[in-house]
């Protein structure tokens, strides 16, 4: 399969960005969850600016990677493979079928979780704590999906070896 120059450039960019986002999310995840994140820890957000910044970084980086994978990388990768890109659920179903993610249903749950972390955490510490703990559990899911998509894009970006005439 031959990629257009625009597809090649876009996939190369998305691989680079995704790798950086994975690294940053894993780094923030390690720092925020060095200890168990509890409601008591969440109560300290108002008085601990470092914890508050880590929390904001985790939520932002989790959301950014999830958005990048689902809204940018996945549709571009499907298009490069001559697969029709569609609604998020359809794209996730194709990603599951192609082996890039384990479950389209989990992909939708992560999408909803991202929205919950972004929009509801200011008001309810129980929701915040639960969402963060669930997000922490899904970091490996996002990382695996990103790495699978990078691997597939790399296969598309790397031309097959030319065979010498015999």
C-alpha atoms as a PDB file:
ATOM      1  CA  UNK A   1       0.000   0.000   0.000  1.00  0.00           C
ATOM      2  CA  UNK A   2       1.403   3.369  -1.016  1.00  0.00           C
ATOM      3  CA  UNK A   3       0.765   6.387   1.163  1.00  0.00           C
ATOM      4  CA  UNK A   4       0.354   9.850  -0.254  1.00  0.00           C
ATOM      5  CA  UNK A   5       2.975  12.357   0.889  1.00  0.00           C
ATOM      6  CA  UNK A   6       0.327  14.022   3.081  1.00  0.00           C
ATOM      7  CA  UNK A   7      -0.629  10.702   4.708  1.00  0.00           C
ATOM      8  CA  UNK A   8       3.033   9.856   5.257  1.00  0.00           C
ATOM      9  CA  UNK A   9       3.700  13.223   6.888  1.00  0.00           C
ATOM     10  CA  UNK A  10       0.581  13.063   9.070  1.00  0.00           C
ATOM     11  CA  UNK A  11       1.242   9.503  10.274  1.00  0.00           C
ATOM     12  CA  UNK A  12       4.871  10.345  11.007  1.00  0.00           C
ATOM     13  CA  UNK A  13       3.739  13.353  13.045  1.00  0.00           C
ATOM     14  CA  UNK A  14       1.080  11.343  14.919  1.00  0.00           C
ATOM     15  CA  UNK A  15       3.593   8.606  15.795  1.00  0.00           C
ATOM     16  CA  UNK A  16       5.995  11.191  17.193  1.00  0.00           C
ATOM     17  CA  UNK A  17       3.320  13.027  19.186  1.00  0.00           C
ATOM     18  CA  UNK A  18       1.758   9.829  20.506  1.00  0.00           C
ATOM     19  CA  UNK A  19       5.128   8.559  21.730  1.00  0.00           C
ATOM     20  CA  UNK A  20       5.692  11.833  23.605  1.00  0.00           C
ATOM     21  CA  UNK A  21       2.176  11.787  25.070  1.00  0.00           C
ATOM     22  CA  UNK A  22       2.659   8.195  26.260  1.00  0.00           C
ATOM     23  CA  UNK A  23       5.932   9.120  27.961  1.00  0.00           C
ATOM     24  CA  UNK A  24       4.446  12.189  29.678  1.00  0.00           C
ATOM     25  CA  UNK A  25       1.321  10.358  30.858  1.00  0.00           C
ATOM     26  CA  UNK A  26       3.357   7.474  32.284  1.00  0.00           C
ATOM     27  CA  UNK A  27       5.654   9.929  34.077  1.00  0.00           C
ATOM     28  CA  UNK A  28       2.757  11.833  35.644  1.00  0.00           C
ATOM     29  CA  UNK A  29       0.947   8.587  36.476  1.00  0.00           C
ATOM     30  CA  UNK A  30       4.008   7.325  38.400  1.00  0.00           C
ATOM     31  CA  UNK A  31       4.265  10.554  40.390  1.00  0.00           C
ATOM     32  CA  UNK A  32       0.555  10.960  41.163  1.00  0.00           C
ATOM     33  CA  UNK A  33       0.035   7.320  42.102  1.00  0.00           C
ATOM     34  CA  UNK A  34       3.297   6.731  43.975  1.00  0.00           C
ATOM     35  CA  UNK A  35       0.917   6.255  46.889  1.00  0.00           C
ATOM     36  CA  UNK A  36      -2.694   5.158  46.744  1.00  0.00           C
ATOM     37  CA  UNK A  37      -4.840   8.126  45.699  1.00  0.00           C
ATOM     38  CA  UNK A  38      -7.654   8.320  48.262  1.00  0.00           C
ATOM     39  CA  UNK A  39     -10.381  10.768  49.204  1.00  0.00           C
ATOM     40  CA  UNK A  40      -8.040  11.995  51.954  1.00  0.00           C
ATOM     41  CA  UNK A  41      -5.420  12.746  49.291  1.00  0.00           C
ATOM     42  CA  UNK A  42      -8.065  14.501  47.185  1.00  0.00           C
ATOM     43  CA  UNK A  43      -8.926  16.748  50.147  1.00  0.00           C
ATOM     44  CA  UNK A  44      -5.331  18.028  50.114  1.00  0.00           C
ATOM     45  CA  UNK A  45      -5.697  19.481  46.604  1.00  0.00           C
ATOM     46  CA  UNK A  46      -6.816  22.834  48.012  1.00  0.00           C
ATOM     47  CA  UNK A  47      -3.724  23.187  50.199  1.00  0.00           C
ATOM     48  CA  UNK A  48      -1.062  21.275  48.256  1.00  0.00           C
ATOM     49  CA  UNK A  49      -0.218  23.066  44.989  1.00  0.00           C
ATOM     50  CA  UNK A  50       2.167  20.306  43.863  1.00  0.00           C
ATOM     51  CA  UNK A  51      -0.550  17.664  44.245  1.00  0.00           C
ATOM     52  CA  UNK A  52      -3.030  19.943  42.473  1.00  0.00           C
ATOM     53  CA  UNK A  53      -0.613  20.424  39.566  1.00  0.00           C
ATOM     54  CA  UNK A  54       0.049  16.678  39.332  1.00  0.00           C
ATOM     55  CA  UNK A  55      -3.665  15.999  39.297  1.00  0.00           C
ATOM     56  CA  UNK A  56      -4.223  18.591  36.572  1.00  0.00           C
ATOM     57  CA  UNK A  57      -1.291  17.176  34.592  1.00  0.00           C
ATOM     58  CA  UNK A  58      -2.658  13.628  34.866  1.00  0.00           C
ATOM     59  CA  UNK A  59      -6.166  14.636  33.805  1.00  0.00           C
ATOM     60  CA  UNK A  60      -4.817  16.740  30.950  1.00  0.00           C
ATOM     61  CA  UNK A  61      -2.352  14.138  29.698  1.00  0.00           C
ATOM     62  CA  UNK A  62      -4.838  11.281  30.016  1.00  0.00           C
ATOM     63  CA  UNK A  63      -7.420  13.293  28.086  1.00  0.00           C
ATOM     64  CA  UNK A  64      -4.926  14.462  25.472  1.00  0.00           C
ATOM     65  CA  UNK A  65      -3.685  10.929  24.735  1.00  0.00           C
ATOM     66  CA  UNK A  66      -7.220   9.568  24.630  1.00  0.00           C
ATOM     67  CA  UNK A  67      -8.314  12.378  22.283  1.00  0.00           C
ATOM     68  CA  UNK A  68      -5.271  11.974  20.070  1.00  0.00           C
ATOM     69  CA  UNK A  69      -5.700   8.222  19.720  1.00  0.00           C
ATOM     70  CA  UNK A  70      -9.455   8.232  19.181  1.00  0.00           C
ATOM     71  CA  UNK A  71     -10.045  11.446  17.275  1.00  0.00           C
ATOM     72  CA  UNK A  72      -6.848  11.882  15.262  1.00  0.00           C
ATOM     73  CA  UNK A  73      -4.570   8.862  15.034  1.00  0.00           C
ATOM     74  CA  UNK A  74      -7.191   6.121  14.655  1.00  0.00           C
ATOM     75  CA  UNK A  75      -9.124   7.810  11.814  1.00  0.00           C
ATOM     76  CA  UNK A  76      -5.870   8.678  10.021  1.00  0.00           C
ATOM     77  CA  UNK A  77      -4.520   5.154  10.389  1.00  0.00           C
ATOM     78  CA  UNK A  78      -7.761   3.620   9.137  1.00  0.00           C
ATOM     79  CA  UNK A  79      -7.733   5.960   6.160  1.00  0.00           C
ATOM     80  CA  UNK A  80      -4.120   5.057   5.356  1.00  0.00           C
ATOM     81  CA  UNK A  81      -5.183   1.407   5.305  1.00  0.00           C
ATOM     82  CA  UNK A  82      -8.095   2.179   2.956  1.00  0.00           C
ATOM     83  CA  UNK A  83     -10.581   1.500   5.752  1.00  0.00           C
ATOM     84  CA  UNK A  84     -13.529   3.844   6.013  1.00  0.00           C
ATOM     85  CA  UNK A  85     -13.367   6.057   9.083  1.00  0.00           C
ATOM     86  CA  UNK A  86     -16.649   6.812  10.811  1.00  0.00           C
ATOM     87  CA  UNK A  87     -18.162   7.499  14.215  1.00  0.00           C
ATOM     88  CA  UNK A  88     -16.005   6.834  17.276  1.00  0.00           C
ATOM     89  CA  UNK A  89     -17.731   3.521  18.089  1.00  0.00           C
ATOM     90  CA  UNK A  90     -17.300   2.296  14.506  1.00  0.00           C
ATOM     91  CA  UNK A  91     -13.617   3.238  14.533  1.00  0.00           C
ATOM     92  CA  UNK A  92     -13.128   1.519  17.887  1.00  0.00           C
ATOM     93  CA  UNK A  93     -14.843  -1.607  16.565  1.00  0.00           C
ATOM     94  CA  UNK A  94     -12.422  -1.635  13.607  1.00  0.00           C
ATOM     95  CA  UNK A  95      -9.460  -1.056  15.920  1.00  0.00           C
ATOM     96  CA  UNK A  96     -10.574  -4.042  18.000  1.00  0.00           C
ATOM     97  CA  UNK A  97     -11.023  -6.182  14.889  1.00  0.00           C
ATOM     98  CA  UNK A  98      -7.534  -5.177  13.675  1.00  0.00           C
ATOM     99  CA  UNK A  99      -6.026  -6.020  17.080  1.00  0.00           C
ATOM    100  CA  UNK A 100      -4.944  -2.501  18.043  1.00  0.00           C
ATOM    101  CA  UNK A 101      -7.169  -2.436  21.130  1.00  0.00           C
ATOM    102  CA  UNK A 102      -8.558  -5.217  23.277  1.00  0.00           C
ATOM    103  CA  UNK A 103     -12.112  -3.901  23.477  1.00  0.00           C
ATOM    104  CA  UNK A 104     -14.168  -1.217  21.757  1.00  0.00           C
ATOM    105  CA  UNK A 105     -16.366  -1.138  24.861  1.00  0.00           C
ATOM    106  CA  UNK A 106     -13.357  -0.317  27.048  1.00  0.00           C
ATOM    107  CA  UNK A 107     -12.407   2.396  24.564  1.00  0.00           C
ATOM    108  CA  UNK A 108     -15.822   3.996  25.028  1.00  0.00           C
ATOM    109  CA  UNK A 109     -15.524   3.699  28.817  1.00  0.00           C
ATOM    110  CA  UNK A 110     -12.170   5.499  28.699  1.00  0.00           C
ATOM    111  CA  UNK A 111     -13.730   8.234  26.566  1.00  0.00           C
ATOM    112  CA  UNK A 112     -16.515   8.719  29.135  1.00  0.00           C
ATOM    113  CA  UNK A 113     -14.006   8.595  31.972  1.00  0.00           C
ATOM    114  CA  UNK A 114     -11.984  11.379  30.371  1.00  0.00           C
ATOM    115  CA  UNK A 115     -15.109  13.541  30.261  1.00  0.00           C
ATOM    116  CA  UNK A 116     -15.884  12.716  33.872  1.00  0.00           C
ATOM    117  CA  UNK A 117     -12.392  13.660  35.039  1.00  0.00           C
ATOM    118  CA  UNK A 118     -12.362  16.898  33.073  1.00  0.00           C
ATOM    119  CA  UNK A 119     -15.840  18.177  33.914  1.00  0.00           C
ATOM    120  CA  UNK A 120     -16.841  16.832  37.315  1.00  0.00           C
ATOM    121  CA  UNK A 121     -13.761  16.669  39.482  1.00  0.00           C
ATOM    122  CA  UNK A 122     -13.987  20.182  40.884  1.00  0.00           C
ATOM    123  CA  UNK A 123     -17.261  19.536  42.740  1.00  0.00           C
ATOM    124  CA  UNK A 124     -17.228  15.981  44.074  1.00  0.00           C
ATOM    125  CA  UNK A 125     -14.145  14.414  45.647  1.00  0.00           C
ATOM    126  CA  UNK A 126     -15.698  10.938  45.647  1.00  0.00           C
ATOM    127  CA  UNK A 127     -16.241  11.130  41.868  1.00  0.00           C
ATOM    128  CA  UNK A 128     -12.774  12.596  41.436  1.00  0.00           C
ATOM    129  CA  UNK A 129     -11.090   9.850  43.466  1.00  0.00           C
ATOM    130  CA  UNK A 130     -12.987   7.088  41.695  1.00  0.00           C
ATOM    131  CA  UNK A 131     -12.328   8.585  38.261  1.00  0.00           C
ATOM    132  CA  UNK A 132      -8.624   9.031  38.976  1.00  0.00           C
ATOM    133  CA  UNK A 133      -8.227   5.497  40.291  1.00  0.00           C
ATOM    134  CA  UNK A 134     -10.039   4.138  37.222  1.00  0.00           C
ATOM    135  CA  UNK A 135      -7.951   6.368  34.965  1.00  0.00           C
ATOM    136  CA  UNK A 136      -4.792   5.060  36.613  1.00  0.00           C
ATOM    137  CA  UNK A 137      -5.941   1.498  35.888  1.00  0.00           C
ATOM    138  CA  UNK A 138      -6.496   2.393  32.213  1.00  0.00           C
ATOM    139  CA  UNK A 139      -3.147   4.094  31.592  1.00  0.00           C
ATOM    140  CA  UNK A 140      -1.725   0.751  30.471  1.00  0.00           C
ATOM    141  CA  UNK A 141      -4.704   0.300  28.134  1.00  0.00           C
ATOM    142  CA  UNK A 142      -4.084   3.673  26.478  1.00  0.00           C
ATOM    143  CA  UNK A 143      -0.348   3.024  26.270  1.00  0.00           C
ATOM    144  CA  UNK A 144      -0.877  -0.402  24.668  1.00  0.00           C
ATOM    145  CA  UNK A 145      -3.315   1.047  22.142  1.00  0.00           C
ATOM    146  CA  UNK A 146      -0.916   3.857  21.289  1.00  0.00           C
ATOM    147  CA  UNK A 147       1.992   1.462  20.888  1.00  0.00           C
ATOM    148  CA  UNK A 148      -0.063  -0.866  18.677  1.00  0.00           C
ATOM    149  CA  UNK A 149      -1.121   2.017  16.475  1.00  0.00           C
ATOM    150  CA  UNK A 150       2.461   3.321  16.264  1.00  0.00           C
ATOM    151  CA  UNK A 151       3.627  -0.163  15.266  1.00  0.00           C
ATOM    152  CA  UNK A 152       0.989  -0.391  12.524  1.00  0.00           C
ATOM    153  CA  UNK A 153       1.778   3.092  11.256  1.00  0.00           C
ATOM    154  CA  UNK A 154       5.492   2.267  11.250  1.00  0.00           C
ATOM    155  CA  UNK A 155       4.793  -0.785   9.079  1.00  0.00           C
ATOM    156  CA  UNK A 156       2.912   1.461   6.645  1.00  0.00           C
ATOM    157  CA  UNK A 157       5.640   4.109   6.715  1.00  0.00           C
ATOM    158  CA  UNK A 158       8.501   1.672   6.139  1.00  0.00           C
ATOM    159  CA  UNK A 159       8.792   0.668   2.514  1.00  0.00           C
ATOM    160  CA  UNK A 160       9.272  -3.038   1.890  1.00  0.00           C
ATOM    161  CA  UNK A 161      12.811  -4.062   1.017  1.00  0.00           C
ATOM    162  CA  UNK A 162      13.495  -4.099  -2.673  1.00  0.00           C
ATOM    163  CA  UNK A 163      14.389  -7.436  -4.131  1.00  0.00           C
ATOM    164  CA  UNK A 164      17.495  -7.593  -6.230  1.00  0.00           C
ATOM    165  CA  UNK A 165      17.160  -9.224  -9.630  1.00  0.00           C
ATOM    166  CA  UNK A 166      18.469 -12.751  -9.712  1.00  0.00           C
END
